[in-house]
Amino acid sequence: MGLFGSFQKWKIAKYEEHMSRMKENNKCPDCNGRGFLIFPASMYLYNSESINCHGCNGTGLYTDWGQSGEL
């Protein structure tokens, strides 16, 4: 297992902790409840005008997260 395995376990534990905290606070885990992304990839695309979070469709709520069909 070694160092790589330890790093993977830490990374998974950190992700699960983040997800449980966001679910408890009813915040979208992608945008941390803001409803928009700080540095959206769409900012650099010519034809894109949407800066809303794609995970929650701009609501910032955990209950709306993942219902957009993109996950």
Protein backbone atom coordinates (compact mmCIF):
# COMPACT_ATOMS: atom_id res chain seq x y z
CA MET A 1 0.00 0.00 0.00
CA GLY A 2 2.64 2.52 0.98
CA LEU A 3 2.59 6.24 0.58
CA PHE A 4 0.27 6.29 -2.43
CA GLY A 5 -2.35 4.22 -0.63
CA SER A 6 -2.18 6.46 2.41
CA PHE A 7 -2.64 9.52 0.25
CA GLN A 8 -5.66 7.97 -1.49
CA LYS A 9 -7.27 7.13 1.88
CA TRP A 10 -6.70 10.69 3.10
CA LYS A 11 -8.15 12.13 -0.10
CA ILE A 12 -11.27 9.94 0.12
CA ALA A 13 -11.77 10.77 3.81
CA LYS A 14 -11.45 14.50 3.07
CA TYR A 15 -14.01 14.25 0.25
CA GLU A 16 -16.49 12.32 2.42
CA GLU A 17 -16.08 14.87 5.21
CA HIS A 18 -16.74 17.72 2.76
CA MET A 19 -19.82 16.00 1.36
CA SER A 20 -21.30 15.28 4.79
CA ARG A 21 -20.69 18.87 5.93
CA MET A 22 -22.35 20.27 2.79
CA LYS A 23 -25.31 17.89 3.16
CA GLU A 24 -25.72 18.87 6.81
CA ASN A 25 -25.73 22.58 5.93
CA ASN A 26 -27.84 22.03 2.76
CA LYS A 27 -25.20 23.65 0.55
CA CYS A 28 -24.08 22.60 -2.91
CA PRO A 29 -20.67 20.87 -2.66
CA ASP A 30 -19.52 22.26 -6.02
CA CYS A 31 -19.98 25.96 -5.29
CA ASN A 32 -20.11 25.81 -1.46
CA GLY A 33 -23.62 27.27 -1.43
CA ARG A 34 -22.85 30.40 -3.48
CA GLY A 35 -24.82 29.40 -6.59
CA PHE A 36 -22.02 30.44 -8.92
CA LEU A 37 -18.44 29.40 -9.52
CA ILE A 38 -15.57 31.69 -8.54
CA PHE A 39 -13.51 31.00 -11.68
CA PRO A 40 -15.96 29.40 -14.07
CA ALA A 41 -14.63 27.68 -17.12
CA SER A 42 -17.40 29.38 -19.08
CA MET A 43 -15.70 32.71 -18.43
CA TYR A 44 -13.05 31.74 -20.96
CA LEU A 45 -15.44 30.35 -23.58
CA TYR A 46 -16.63 32.69 -26.31
CA ASN A 47 -20.24 31.48 -26.67
CA SER A 48 -21.05 30.79 -23.01
CA GLU A 49 -22.93 33.30 -20.89
CA SER A 50 -23.79 31.13 -17.88
CA ILE A 51 -21.73 31.47 -14.71
CA ASN A 52 -24.23 29.58 -12.54
CA CYS A 53 -23.02 26.46 -10.82
CA HIS A 54 -23.80 23.47 -13.02
CA GLY A 55 -24.20 21.18 -10.01
CA CYS A 56 -27.12 23.03 -8.41
CA ASN A 57 -28.27 25.21 -11.36
CA GLY A 58 -27.49 28.39 -9.42
CA THR A 59 -29.57 27.74 -6.29
CA GLY A 60 -26.68 26.82 -3.98
CA LEU A 61 -28.73 24.09 -2.28
CA TYR A 62 -27.67 20.51 -1.65
CA THR A 63 -31.20 19.29 -2.39
CA ASP A 64 -30.89 20.64 -5.95
CA TRP A 65 -27.34 19.32 -6.41
CA GLY A 66 -27.00 16.53 -8.95
CA GLN A 67 -30.50 16.85 -10.33
CA SER A 68 -29.35 18.66 -13.44
CA GLY A 69 -28.51 15.36 -15.12
CA GLU A 70 -24.87 16.26 -15.73
CA LEU A 71 -23.41 14.17 -12.91
